[in-house]
Amino acid sequence: MNRKFDANENFELLKNERNIAGRAMYEKRPSQEVKVQIYPDKSVSPAKFIPNQSMPGTFRAHPTTIAAMRSDLFANMHDEAFEELSAIITCSSCKTQIDQQFWKFCPYCEAPFPKNHG
């Protein structure tokens, strides 16, 4: 599918979506607030988040991964919502399959996404 990816459009669609049990796919108010701290570590593979053993509750990620991740990555969505909004593309540079809903550019090779994909 070659539709243009638009995070705001996906958010608007998601606000009204319900799962099989009739539960909203997106919580308008967070059920709990969780602060996620991610520290740069060049030894971590791209697009990976590794629990930080020396600081429980925090993660390590490659600096490129941190730069590439969308700021709303940890939104109040249920697992079904991530699947519903999936926008899998293949990076034109490194040929890795990526779910564009989570990234601003390729977290593996730093290539920008094609214009027809947002």
PDB file of N, CA and C in Angstrom:
ATOM      1  N   MET A   1       0.848  -1.175   0.000  1.00  0.00           N
ATOM      2  CA  MET A   1       0.000   0.000   0.000  1.00  0.00           C
ATOM      3  C   MET A   1       0.892   1.236   0.000  1.00  0.00           C
ATOM      4  N   ASN A   2       0.675   2.186  -0.871  1.00  0.00           N
ATOM      5  CA  ASN A   2       1.507   3.370  -0.992  1.00  0.00           C
ATOM      6  C   ASN A   2       0.822   4.637  -0.510  1.00  0.00           C
ATOM      7  N   ARG A   3       0.006   4.530   0.556  1.00  0.00           N
ATOM      8  CA  ARG A   3      -0.616   5.743   1.072  1.00  0.00           C
ATOM      9  C   ARG A   3       0.407   6.519   1.885  1.00  0.00           C
ATOM     10  N   LYS A   4       0.245   7.829   1.917  1.00  0.00           N
ATOM     11  CA  LYS A   4       1.161   8.674   2.661  1.00  0.00           C
ATOM     12  C   LYS A   4       0.927   8.486   4.154  1.00  0.00           C
ATOM     13  N   PHE A   5       1.986   8.304   4.922  1.00  0.00           N
ATOM     14  CA  PHE A   5       1.893   8.149   6.369  1.00  0.00           C
ATOM     15  C   PHE A   5       1.719   9.518   6.995  1.00  0.00           C
ATOM     16  N   ASP A   6       0.727   9.658   7.855  1.00  0.00           N
ATOM     17  CA  ASP A   6       0.470  10.912   8.551  1.00  0.00           C
ATOM     18  C   ASP A   6       0.096  10.570   9.991  1.00  0.00           C
ATOM     19  N   ALA A   7       0.993  10.866  10.937  1.00  0.00           N
ATOM     20  CA  ALA A   7       0.757  10.518  12.346  1.00  0.00           C
ATOM     21  C   ALA A   7      -0.485  11.207  12.886  1.00  0.00           C
ATOM     22  N   ASN A   8      -0.731  12.461  12.513  1.00  0.00           N
ATOM     23  CA  ASN A   8      -1.913  13.176  12.998  1.00  0.00           C
ATOM     24  C   ASN A   8      -3.193  12.548  12.466  1.00  0.00           C
ATOM     25  N   GLU A   9      -3.185  12.145  11.199  1.00  0.00           N
ATOM     26  CA  GLU A   9      -4.356  11.486  10.614  1.00  0.00           C
ATOM     27  C   GLU A   9      -4.612  10.157  11.322  1.00  0.00           C
ATOM     28  N   ASN A  10      -3.549   9.409  11.586  1.00  0.00           N
ATOM     29  CA  ASN A  10      -3.698   8.143  12.305  1.00  0.00           C
ATOM     30  C   ASN A  10      -4.263   8.370  13.696  1.00  0.00           C
ATOM     31  N   PHE A  11      -3.807   9.421  14.375  1.00  0.00           N
ATOM     32  CA  PHE A  11      -4.311   9.721  15.710  1.00  0.00           C
ATOM     33  C   PHE A  11      -5.807  10.021  15.655  1.00  0.00           C
ATOM     34  N   GLU A  12      -6.245  10.808  14.681  1.00  0.00           N
ATOM     35  CA  GLU A  12      -7.667  11.138  14.558  1.00  0.00           C
ATOM     36  C   GLU A  12      -8.506   9.880  14.309  1.00  0.00           C
ATOM     37  N   LEU A  13      -8.012   8.981  13.471  1.00  0.00           N
ATOM     38  CA  LEU A  13      -8.719   7.725  13.220  1.00  0.00           C
ATOM     39  C   LEU A  13      -8.773   6.868  14.485  1.00  0.00           C
ATOM     40  N   LEU A  14      -7.684   6.832  15.204  1.00  0.00           N
ATOM     41  CA  LEU A  14      -7.570   5.983  16.381  1.00  0.00           C
ATOM     42  C   LEU A  14      -8.487   6.428  17.514  1.00  0.00           C
ATOM     43  N   LYS A  15      -8.755   7.713  17.634  1.00  0.00           N
ATOM     44  CA  LYS A  15      -9.578   8.214  18.738  1.00  0.00           C
ATOM     45  C   LYS A  15     -10.958   7.569  18.768  1.00  0.00           C
ATOM     46  N   ASN A  16     -11.479   7.145  17.621  1.00  0.00           N
ATOM     47  CA  ASN A  16     -12.814   6.555  17.548  1.00  0.00           C
ATOM     48  C   ASN A  16     -12.817   5.035  17.402  1.00  0.00           C
ATOM     49  N   GLU A  17     -11.646   4.433  17.267  1.00  0.00           N
ATOM     50  CA  GLU A  17     -11.555   2.985  17.061  1.00  0.00           C
ATOM     51  C   GLU A  17     -11.820   2.221  18.349  1.00  0.00           C
ATOM     52  N   ARG A  18     -12.434   1.052  18.206  1.00  0.00           N
ATOM     53  CA  ARG A  18     -12.699   0.153  19.331  1.00  0.00           C
ATOM     54  C   ARG A  18     -12.189  -1.237  18.960  1.00  0.00           C
ATOM     55  N   ASN A  19     -11.748  -1.982  19.961  1.00  0.00           N
ATOM     56  CA  ASN A  19     -11.305  -3.343  19.693  1.00  0.00           C
ATOM     57  C   ASN A  19     -12.494  -4.295  19.736  1.00  0.00           C
ATOM     58  N   ILE A  20     -12.261  -5.577  19.600  1.00  0.00           N
ATOM     59  CA  ILE A  20     -13.331  -6.572  19.556  1.00  0.00           C
ATOM     60  C   ILE A  20     -14.180  -6.530  20.822  1.00  0.00           C
ATOM     61  N   ALA A  21     -13.565  -6.246  21.955  1.00  0.00           N
ATOM     62  CA  ALA A  21     -14.288  -6.187  23.228  1.00  0.00           C
ATOM     63  C   ALA A  21     -15.020  -4.864  23.420  1.00  0.00           C
ATOM     64  N   GLY A  22     -14.908  -3.966  22.436  1.00  0.00           N
ATOM     65  CA  GLY A  22     -15.585  -2.679  22.530  1.00  0.00           C
ATOM     66  C   GLY A  22     -14.813  -1.638  23.317  1.00  0.00           C
ATOM     67  N   ARG A  23     -13.585  -1.954  23.685  1.00  0.00           N
ATOM     68  CA  ARG A  23     -12.753  -1.023  24.448  1.00  0.00           C
ATOM     69  C   ARG A  23     -12.066  -0.053  23.490  1.00  0.00           C
ATOM     70  N   ALA A  24     -11.973   1.209  23.888  1.00  0.00           N
ATOM     71  CA  ALA A  24     -11.298   2.218  23.068  1.00  0.00           C
ATOM     72  C   ALA A  24      -9.843   1.796  22.840  1.00  0.00           C
ATOM     73  N   MET A  25      -9.362   2.031  21.628  1.00  0.00           N
ATOM     74  CA  MET A  25      -7.990   1.670  21.291  1.00  0.00           C
ATOM     75  C   MET A  25      -6.999   2.704  21.820  1.00  0.00           C
ATOM     76  N   TYR A  26      -7.483   3.874  22.142  1.00  0.00           N
ATOM     77  CA  TYR A  26      -6.624   4.954  22.631  1.00  0.00           C
ATOM     78  C   TYR A  26      -7.263   5.547  23.873  1.00  0.00           C
ATOM     79  N   GLU A  27      -6.490   5.712  24.903  1.00  0.00           N
ATOM     80  CA  GLU A  27      -6.977   6.315  26.139  1.00  0.00           C
ATOM     81  C   GLU A  27      -6.802   7.823  26.043  1.00  0.00           C
ATOM     82  N   LYS A  28      -7.902   8.574  26.149  1.00  0.00           N
ATOM     83  CA  LYS A  28      -7.822  10.030  26.071  1.00  0.00           C
ATOM     84  C   LYS A  28      -7.043  10.610  27.245  1.00  0.00           C
ATOM     85  N   ARG A  29      -7.159   9.954  28.371  1.00  0.00           N
ATOM     86  CA  ARG A  29      -6.384  10.345  29.551  1.00  0.00           C
ATOM     87  C   ARG A  29      -5.530   9.149  29.938  1.00  0.00           C
ATOM     88  N   PRO A  30      -4.277   9.391  30.242  1.00  0.00           N
ATOM     89  CA  PRO A  30      -3.426   8.252  30.595  1.00  0.00           C
ATOM     90  C   PRO A  30      -3.908   7.558  31.850  1.00  0.00           C
ATOM     91  N   SER A  31      -3.911   6.225  31.815  1.00  0.00           N
ATOM     92  CA  SER A  31      -4.286   5.454  32.992  1.00  0.00           C
ATOM     93  C   SER A  31      -3.183   5.549  34.038  1.00  0.00           C
ATOM     94  N   GLN A  32      -1.987   5.796  33.577  1.00  0.00           N
ATOM     95  CA  GLN A  32      -0.862   6.049  34.464  1.00  0.00           C
ATOM     96  C   GLN A  32       0.199   6.805  33.674  1.00  0.00           C
ATOM     97  N   GLU A  33       0.965   7.596  34.359  1.00  0.00           N
ATOM     98  CA  GLU A  33       2.034   8.319  33.688  1.00  0.00           C
ATOM     99  C   GLU A  33       3.330   7.577  33.931  1.00  0.00           C
ATOM    100  N   VAL A  34       4.012   7.272  32.852  1.00  0.00           N
ATOM    101  CA  VAL A  34       5.273   6.561  32.943  1.00  0.00           C
ATOM    102  C   VAL A  34       6.330   7.403  32.242  1.00  0.00           C
ATOM    103  N   LYS A  35       7.374   7.689  32.956  1.00  0.00           N
ATOM    104  CA  LYS A  35       8.487   8.421  32.354  1.00  0.00           C
ATOM    105  C   LYS A  35       9.510   7.394  31.887  1.00  0.00           C
ATOM    106  N   VAL A  36       9.893   7.513  30.639  1.00  0.00           N
ATOM    107  CA  VAL A  36      10.854   6.585  30.060  1.00  0.00           C
ATOM    108  C   VAL A  36      12.143   7.349  29.811  1.00  0.00           C
ATOM    109  N   GLN A  37      13.205   6.889  30.427  1.00  0.00           N
ATOM    110  CA  GLN A  37      14.499   7.515  30.210  1.00  0.00           C
ATOM    111  C   GLN A  37      15.345   6.604  29.342  1.00  0.00           C
ATOM    112  N   ILE A  38      15.867   7.181  28.265  1.00  0.00           N
ATOM    113  CA  ILE A  38      16.687   6.428  27.317  1.00  0.00           C
ATOM    114  C   ILE A  38      18.026   7.142  27.204  1.00  0.00           C
ATOM    115  N   TYR A  39      19.094   6.409  27.457  1.00  0.00           N
ATOM    116  CA  TYR A  39      20.434   6.974  27.430  1.00  0.00           C
ATOM    117  C   TYR A  39      21.175   6.513  26.182  1.00  0.00           C
ATOM    118  N   PRO A  40      21.937   7.414  25.565  1.00  0.00           N
ATOM    119  CA  PRO A  40      22.688   7.034  24.366  1.00  0.00           C
ATOM    120  C   PRO A  40      23.837   6.082  24.691  1.00  0.00           C
ATOM    121  N   ASP A  41      23.983   5.088  23.838  1.00  0.00           N
ATOM    122  CA  ASP A  41      25.053   4.106  23.982  1.00  0.00           C
ATOM    123  C   ASP A  41      25.346   3.549  22.589  1.00  0.00           C
ATOM    124  N   LYS A  42      26.507   3.907  22.045  1.00  0.00           N
ATOM    125  CA  LYS A  42      26.865   3.493  20.686  1.00  0.00           C
ATOM    126  C   LYS A  42      27.096   1.991  20.554  1.00  0.00           C
ATOM    127  N   SER A  43      27.206   1.270  21.671  1.00  0.00           N
ATOM    128  CA  SER A  43      27.416  -0.178  21.586  1.00  0.00           C
ATOM    129  C   SER A  43      26.107  -0.935  21.349  1.00  0.00           C
ATOM    130  N   VAL A  44      24.964  -0.270  21.469  1.00  0.00           N
ATOM    131  CA  VAL A  44      23.665  -0.910  21.249  1.00  0.00           C
ATOM    132  C   VAL A  44      23.358  -0.893  19.752  1.00  0.00           C
ATOM    133  N   SER A  45      22.869  -1.999  19.231  1.00  0.00           N
ATOM    134  CA  SER A  45      22.513  -2.081  17.810  1.00  0.00           C
ATOM    135  C   SER A  45      21.415  -1.074  17.473  1.00  0.00           C
ATOM    136  N   PRO A  46      21.428  -0.555  16.254  1.00  0.00           N
ATOM    137  CA  PRO A  46      20.383   0.392  15.841  1.00  0.00           C
ATOM    138  C   PRO A  46      18.980  -0.197  15.990  1.00  0.00           C
ATOM    139  N   ALA A  47      18.028   0.668  16.332  1.00  0.00           N
ATOM    140  CA  ALA A  47      16.605   0.344  16.468  1.00  0.00           C
ATOM    141  C   ALA A  47      16.311  -0.606  17.625  1.00  0.00           C
ATOM    142  N   LYS A  48      17.227  -0.726  18.561  1.00  0.00           N
ATOM    143  CA  LYS A  48      17.038  -1.589  19.728  1.00  0.00           C
ATOM    144  C   LYS A  48      17.044  -0.737  20.993  1.00  0.00           C
ATOM    145  N   PHE A  49      16.276  -1.173  21.988  1.00  0.00           N
ATOM    146  CA  PHE A  49      16.257  -0.562  23.302  1.00  0.00           C
ATOM    147  C   PHE A  49      16.625  -1.657  24.294  1.00  0.00           C
ATOM    148  N   ILE A  50      17.690  -1.437  25.060  1.00  0.00           N
ATOM    149  CA  ILE A  50      18.202  -2.427  25.992  1.00  0.00           C
ATOM    150  C   ILE A  50      18.000  -1.914  27.423  1.00  0.00           C
ATOM    151  N   PRO A  51      17.406  -2.734  28.302  1.00  0.00           N
ATOM    152  CA  PRO A  51      17.283  -2.304  29.699  1.00  0.00           C
ATOM    153  C   PRO A  51      18.664  -1.985  30.280  1.00  0.00           C
ATOM    154  N   ASN A  52      18.738  -0.892  30.980  1.00  0.00           N
ATOM    155  CA  ASN A  52      19.994  -0.452  31.581  1.00  0.00           C
ATOM    156  C   ASN A  52      20.164  -1.152  32.928  1.00  0.00           C
ATOM    157  N   GLN A  53      21.122  -2.067  33.024  1.00  0.00           N
ATOM    158  CA  GLN A  53      21.314  -2.867  34.243  1.00  0.00           C
ATOM    159  C   GLN A  53      21.772  -2.018  35.420  1.00  0.00           C
ATOM    160  N   SER A  54      22.528  -0.975  35.156  1.00  0.00           N
ATOM    161  CA  SER A  54      23.041  -0.150  36.259  1.00  0.00           C
ATOM    162  C   SER A  54      22.015   0.864  36.763  1.00  0.00           C
ATOM    163  N   MET A  55      20.964   1.125  35.985  1.00  0.00           N
ATOM    164  CA  MET A  55      19.902   2.049  36.396  1.00  0.00           C
ATOM    165  C   MET A  55      18.550   1.434  36.036  1.00  0.00           C
ATOM    166  N   PRO A  56      17.993   0.615  36.929  1.00  0.00           N
ATOM    167  CA  PRO A  56      16.704  -0.035  36.648  1.00  0.00           C
ATOM    168  C   PRO A  56      15.631   0.972  36.244  1.00  0.00           C
ATOM    169  N   GLY A  57      14.803   0.561  35.292  1.00  0.00           N
ATOM    170  CA  GLY A  57      13.733   1.429  34.812  1.00  0.00           C
ATOM    171  C   GLY A  57      14.150   2.355  33.693  1.00  0.00           C
ATOM    172  N   THR A  58      15.410   2.279  33.284  1.00  0.00           N
ATOM    173  CA  THR A  58      15.894   3.085  32.172  1.00  0.00           C
ATOM    174  C   THR A  58      16.371   2.158  31.056  1.00  0.00           C
ATOM    175  N   PHE A  59      16.592   2.745  29.878  1.00  0.00           N
ATOM    176  CA  PHE A  59      17.023   1.965  28.725  1.00  0.00           C
ATOM    177  C   PHE A  59      18.221   2.629  28.068  1.00  0.00           C
ATOM    178  N   ARG A  60      18.959   1.830  27.314  1.00  0.00           N
ATOM    179  CA  ARG A  60      20.060   2.315  26.486  1.00  0.00           C
ATOM    180  C   ARG A  60      19.673   2.108  25.030  1.00  0.00           C
ATOM    181  N   ALA A  61      20.079   3.039  24.184  1.00  0.00           N
ATOM    182  CA  ALA A  61      19.828   2.917  22.742  1.00  0.00           C
ATOM    183  C   ALA A  61      20.915   3.678  21.998  1.00  0.00           C
ATOM    184  N   HIS A  62      21.151   3.256  20.773  1.00  0.00           N
ATOM    185  CA  HIS A  62      22.119   3.946  19.923  1.00  0.00           C
ATOM    186  C   HIS A  62      21.635   5.383  19.720  1.00  0.00           C
ATOM    187  N   PRO A  63      22.535   6.367  19.664  1.00  0.00           N
ATOM    188  CA  PRO A  63      22.123   7.761  19.451  1.00  0.00           C
ATOM    189  C   PRO A  63      21.263   7.964  18.201  1.00  0.00           C
ATOM    190  N   THR A  64      21.522   7.209  17.148  1.00  0.00           N
ATOM    191  CA  THR A  64      20.697   7.313  15.936  1.00  0.00           C
ATOM    192  C   THR A  64      19.286   6.831  16.211  1.00  0.00           C
ATOM    193  N   THR A  65      19.144   5.778  17.004  1.00  0.00           N
ATOM    194  CA  THR A  65      17.826   5.268  17.370  1.00  0.00           C
ATOM    195  C   THR A  65      17.041   6.334  18.126  1.00  0.00           C
ATOM    196  N   ILE A  66      17.696   6.990  19.062  1.00  0.00           N
ATOM    197  CA  ILE A  66      17.045   8.030  19.855  1.00  0.00           C
ATOM    198  C   ILE A  66      16.602   9.181  18.957  1.00  0.00           C
ATOM    199  N   ALA A  67      17.454   9.587  18.039  1.00  0.00           N
ATOM    200  CA  ALA A  67      17.110  10.680  17.118  1.00  0.00           C
ATOM    201  C   ALA A  67      15.976  10.293  16.171  1.00  0.00           C
ATOM    202  N   ALA A  68      15.928   9.019  15.776  1.00  0.00           N
ATOM    203  CA  ALA A  68      14.940   8.563  14.789  1.00  0.00           C
ATOM    204  C   ALA A  68      13.564   8.306  15.384  1.00  0.00           C
ATOM    205  N   MET A  69      13.482   8.049  16.688  1.00  0.00           N
ATOM    206  CA  MET A  69      12.186   7.674  17.259  1.00  0.00           C
ATOM    207  C   MET A  69      11.246   8.868  17.348  1.00  0.00           C
ATOM    208  N   ARG A  70       9.987   8.602  17.073  1.00  0.00           N
ATOM    209  CA  ARG A  70       8.957   9.642  17.173  1.00  0.00           C
ATOM    210  C   ARG A  70       8.774  10.023  18.634  1.00  0.00           C
ATOM    211  N   SER A  71       8.498  11.282  18.888  1.00  0.00           N
ATOM    212  CA  SER A  71       8.335  11.753  20.265  1.00  0.00           C
ATOM    213  C   SER A  71       7.108  11.148  20.932  1.00  0.00           C
ATOM    214  N   ASP A  72       6.120  10.741  20.137  1.00  0.00           N
ATOM    215  CA  ASP A  72       4.905  10.150  20.698  1.00  0.00           C
ATOM    216  C   ASP A  72       4.960   8.621  20.687  1.00  0.00           C
ATOM    217  N   LEU A  73       6.158   8.078  20.658  1.00  0.00           N
ATOM    218  CA  LEU A  73       6.343   6.629  20.585  1.00  0.00           C
ATOM    219  C   LEU A  73       5.655   5.897  21.728  1.00  0.00           C
ATOM    220  N   PHE A  74       5.649   6.481  22.898  1.00  0.00           N
ATOM    221  CA  PHE A  74       5.068   5.818  24.064  1.00  0.00           C
ATOM    222  C   PHE A  74       3.705   6.404  24.392  1.00  0.00           C
ATOM    223  N   ALA A  75       2.858   6.575  23.384  1.00  0.00           N
ATOM    224  CA  ALA A  75       1.509   7.113  23.573  1.00  0.00           C
ATOM    225  C   ALA A  75       0.632   6.112  24.303  1.00  0.00           C
ATOM    226  N   ASN A  76      -0.560   6.546  24.662  1.00  0.00           N
ATOM    227  CA  ASN A  76      -1.494   5.721  25.445  1.00  0.00           C
ATOM    228  C   ASN A  76      -2.303   4.797  24.544  1.00  0.00           C
ATOM    229  N   MET A  77      -1.640   3.956  23.805  1.00  0.00           N
ATOM    230  CA  MET A  77      -2.343   3.047  22.911  1.00  0.00           C
ATOM    231  C   MET A  77      -2.242   1.623  23.427  1.00  0.00           C
ATOM    232  N   HIS A  78      -3.279   0.860  23.139  1.00  0.00           N
ATOM    233  CA  HIS A  78      -3.261  -0.565  23.447  1.00  0.00           C
ATOM    234  C   HIS A  78      -2.516  -1.271  22.321  1.00  0.00           C
ATOM    235  N   ASP A  79      -2.054  -2.485  22.582  1.00  0.00           N
ATOM    236  CA  ASP A  79      -1.289  -3.236  21.586  1.00  0.00           C
ATOM    237  C   ASP A  79      -2.024  -3.366  20.264  1.00  0.00           C
ATOM    238  N   GLU A  80      -3.365  -3.508  20.307  1.00  0.00           N
ATOM    239  CA  GLU A  80      -4.127  -3.654  19.075  1.00  0.00           C
ATOM    240  C   GLU A  80      -3.993  -2.415  18.189  1.00  0.00           C
ATOM    241  N   ALA A  81      -3.840  -1.264  18.803  1.00  0.00           N
ATOM    242  CA  ALA A  81      -3.741  -0.022  18.040  1.00  0.00           C
ATOM    243  C   ALA A  81      -2.466   0.016  17.218  1.00  0.00           C
ATOM    244  N   PHE A  82      -1.358  -0.458  17.797  1.00  0.00           N
ATOM    245  CA  PHE A  82      -0.106  -0.467  17.047  1.00  0.00           C
ATOM    246  C   PHE A  82      -0.243  -1.298  15.784  1.00  0.00           C
ATOM    247  N   GLU A  83      -0.909  -2.442  15.912  1.00  0.00           N
ATOM    248  CA  GLU A  83      -1.114  -3.320  14.760  1.00  0.00           C
ATOM    249  C   GLU A  83      -2.036  -2.659  13.737  1.00  0.00           C
ATOM    250  N   GLU A  84      -3.076  -2.015  14.221  1.00  0.00           N
ATOM    251  CA  GLU A  84      -4.056  -1.359  13.351  1.00  0.00           C
ATOM    252  C   GLU A  84      -3.428  -0.246  12.522  1.00  0.00           C
ATOM    253  N   LEU A  85      -2.478   0.490  13.104  1.00  0.00           N
ATOM    254  CA  LEU A  85      -1.866   1.640  12.429  1.00  0.00           C
ATOM    255  C   LEU A  85      -0.540   1.310  11.765  1.00  0.00           C
ATOM    256  N   SER A  86      -0.208   0.048  11.685  1.00  0.00           N
ATOM    257  CA  SER A  86       1.051  -0.372  11.101  1.00  0.00           C
ATOM    258  C   SER A  86       1.261   0.250   9.723  1.00  0.00           C
ATOM    259  N   ALA A  87       2.479   0.735   9.502  1.00  0.00           N
ATOM    260  CA  ALA A  87       2.837   1.350   8.221  1.00  0.00           C
ATOM    261  C   ALA A  87       4.204   0.809   7.811  1.00  0.00           C
ATOM    262  N   ILE A  88       4.241  -0.478   7.474  1.00  0.00           N
ATOM    263  CA  ILE A  88       5.505  -1.146   7.143  1.00  0.00           C
ATOM    264  C   ILE A  88       5.993  -0.689   5.772  1.00  0.00           C
ATOM    265  N   ILE A  89       7.246  -0.236   5.751  1.00  0.00           N
ATOM    266  CA  ILE A  89       7.896   0.108   4.496  1.00  0.00           C
ATOM    267  C   ILE A  89       9.252  -0.583   4.472  1.00  0.00           C
ATOM    268  N   THR A  90       9.858  -0.636   3.312  1.00  0.00           N
ATOM    269  CA  THR A  90      11.214  -1.135   3.175  1.00  0.00           C
ATOM    270  C   THR A  90      12.103   0.055   2.885  1.00  0.00           C
ATOM    271  N   CYS A  91      13.110   0.245   3.717  1.00  0.00           N
ATOM    272  CA  CYS A  91      14.035   1.361   3.522  1.00  0.00           C
ATOM    273  C   CYS A  91      14.685   1.232   2.152  1.00  0.00           C
ATOM    274  N   SER A  92      14.647   2.303   1.399  1.00  0.00           N
ATOM    275  CA  SER A  92      15.212   2.262   0.047  1.00  0.00           C
ATOM    276  C   SER A  92      16.733   2.182   0.067  1.00  0.00           C
ATOM    277  N   SER A  93      17.353   2.528   1.180  1.00  0.00           N
ATOM    278  CA  SER A  93      18.803   2.509   1.270  1.00  0.00           C
ATOM    279  C   SER A  93      19.339   1.176   1.803  1.00  0.00           C
ATOM    280  N   CYS A  94      18.896   0.769   3.008  1.00  0.00           N
ATOM    281  CA  CYS A  94      19.448  -0.454   3.614  1.00  0.00           C
ATOM    282  C   CYS A  94      18.554  -1.677   3.440  1.00  0.00           C
ATOM    283  N   LYS A  95      17.357  -1.484   2.854  1.00  0.00           N
ATOM    284  CA  LYS A  95      16.412  -2.567   2.547  1.00  0.00           C
ATOM    285  C   LYS A  95      15.821  -3.247   3.788  1.00  0.00           C
ATOM    286  N   THR A  96      15.896  -2.604   4.947  1.00  0.00           N
ATOM    287  CA  THR A  96      15.314  -3.133   6.173  1.00  0.00           C
ATOM    288  C   THR A  96      13.838  -2.781   6.232  1.00  0.00           C
ATOM    289  N   GLN A  97      13.000  -3.723   6.661  1.00  0.00           N
ATOM    290  CA  GLN A  97      11.581  -3.419   6.836  1.00  0.00           C
ATOM    291  C   GLN A  97      11.401  -2.668   8.152  1.00  0.00           C
ATOM    292  N   ILE A  98      10.641  -1.572   8.099  1.00  0.00           N
ATOM    293  CA  ILE A  98      10.469  -0.673   9.235  1.00  0.00           C
ATOM    294  C   ILE A  98       8.994  -0.318   9.369  1.00  0.00           C
ATOM    295  N   ASP A  99       8.509  -0.282  10.608  1.00  0.00           N
ATOM    296  CA  ASP A  99       7.148   0.209  10.859  1.00  0.00           C
ATOM    297  C   ASP A  99       7.263   1.713  11.066  1.00  0.00           C
ATOM    298  N   GLN A 100       6.860   2.461  10.078  1.00  0.00           N
ATOM    299  CA  GLN A 100       7.061   3.911  10.049  1.00  0.00           C
ATOM    300  C   GLN A 100       6.307   4.646  11.153  1.00  0.00           C
ATOM    301  N   GLN A 101       5.313   4.019  11.770  1.00  0.00           N
ATOM    302  CA  GLN A 101       4.581   4.707  12.829  1.00  0.00           C
ATOM    303  C   GLN A 101       5.475   5.034  14.028  1.00  0.00           C
ATOM    304  N   PHE A 102       6.632   4.378  14.141  1.00  0.00           N
ATOM    305  CA  PHE A 102       7.518   4.591  15.282  1.00  0.00           C
ATOM    306  C   PHE A 102       8.722   5.490  14.992  1.00  0.00           C
ATOM    307  N   TRP A 103       8.998   5.778  13.712  1.00  0.00           N
ATOM    308  CA  TRP A 103      10.263   6.427  13.351  1.00  0.00           C
ATOM    309  C   TRP A 103      10.078   7.660  12.469  1.00  0.00           C
ATOM    310  N   LYS A 104      10.987   8.625  12.601  1.00  0.00           N
ATOM    311  CA  LYS A 104      11.005   9.822  11.749  1.00  0.00           C
ATOM    312  C   LYS A 104      11.864   9.590  10.503  1.00  0.00           C
ATOM    313  N   PHE A 105      12.860   8.715  10.609  1.00  0.00           N
ATOM    314  CA  PHE A 105      13.720   8.303   9.496  1.00  0.00           C
ATOM    315  C   PHE A 105      14.240   6.917   9.822  1.00  0.00           C
ATOM    316  N   CYS A 106      14.942   6.289   8.922  1.00  0.00           N
ATOM    317  CA  CYS A 106      15.409   4.921   9.139  1.00  0.00           C
ATOM    318  C   CYS A 106      16.362   4.868  10.334  1.00  0.00           C
ATOM    319  N   PRO A 107      16.018   4.094  11.367  1.00  0.00           N
ATOM    320  CA  PRO A 107      16.887   4.015  12.534  1.00  0.00           C
ATOM    321  C   PRO A 107      18.127   3.150  12.323  1.00  0.00           C
ATOM    322  N   TYR A 108      18.185   2.456  11.185  1.00  0.00           N
ATOM    323  CA  TYR A 108      19.328   1.601  10.897  1.00  0.00           C
ATOM    324  C   TYR A 108      20.424   2.329  10.121  1.00  0.00           C
ATOM    325  N   CYS A 109      20.024   3.072   9.087  1.00  0.00           N
ATOM    326  CA  CYS A 109      21.029   3.695   8.218  1.00  0.00           C
ATOM    327  C   CYS A 109      20.887   5.210   8.123  1.00  0.00           C
ATOM    328  N   GLU A 110      19.885   5.779   8.791  1.00  0.00           N
ATOM    329  CA  GLU A 110      19.620   7.224   8.837  1.00  0.00           C
ATOM    330  C   GLU A 110      19.062   7.801   7.537  1.00  0.00           C
ATOM    331  N   ALA A 111      18.661   6.942   6.613  1.00  0.00           N
ATOM    332  CA  ALA A 111      18.091   7.434   5.356  1.00  0.00           C
ATOM    333  C   ALA A 111      16.706   8.033   5.607  1.00  0.00           C
ATOM    334  N   PRO A 112      16.383   9.117   4.905  1.00  0.00           N
ATOM    335  CA  PRO A 112      15.029   9.669   5.041  1.00  0.00           C
ATOM    336  C   PRO A 112      14.026   8.726   4.390  1.00  0.00           C
ATOM    337  N   PHE A 113      12.792   8.788   4.874  1.00  0.00           N
ATOM    338  CA  PHE A 113      11.740   7.987   4.252  1.00  0.00           C
ATOM    339  C   PHE A 113      11.366   8.596   2.914  1.00  0.00           C
ATOM    340  N   PRO A 114      10.934   7.768   1.954  1.00  0.00           N
ATOM    341  CA  PRO A 114      10.497   8.303   0.667  1.00  0.00           C
ATOM    342  C   PRO A 114       9.331   9.280   0.864  1.00  0.00           C
ATOM    343  N   LYS A 115       9.269  10.293   0.040  1.00  0.00           N
ATOM    344  CA  LYS A 115       8.239  11.322   0.161  1.00  0.00           C
ATOM    345  C   LYS A 115       6.833  10.751   0.093  1.00  0.00           C
ATOM    346  N   ASN A 116       6.590   9.723  -0.713  1.00  0.00           N
ATOM    347  CA  ASN A 116       5.246   9.166  -0.824  1.00  0.00           C
ATOM    348  C   ASN A 116       4.830   8.388   0.415  1.00  0.00           C
ATOM    349  N   HIS A 117       5.740   8.251   1.406  1.00  0.00           N
ATOM    350  CA  HIS A 117       5.415   7.572   2.653  1.00  0.00           C
ATOM    351  C   HIS A 117       5.416   8.529   3.826  1.00  0.00           C
ATOM    352  N   GLY A 118       5.526   9.812   3.596  1.00  0.00           N
ATOM    353  CA  GLY A 118       5.478  10.778   4.684  1.00  0.00           C
ATOM    354  C   GLY A 118       6.833  11.183   5.098  1.00  0.00           C
TER     355      GLY A 118
END
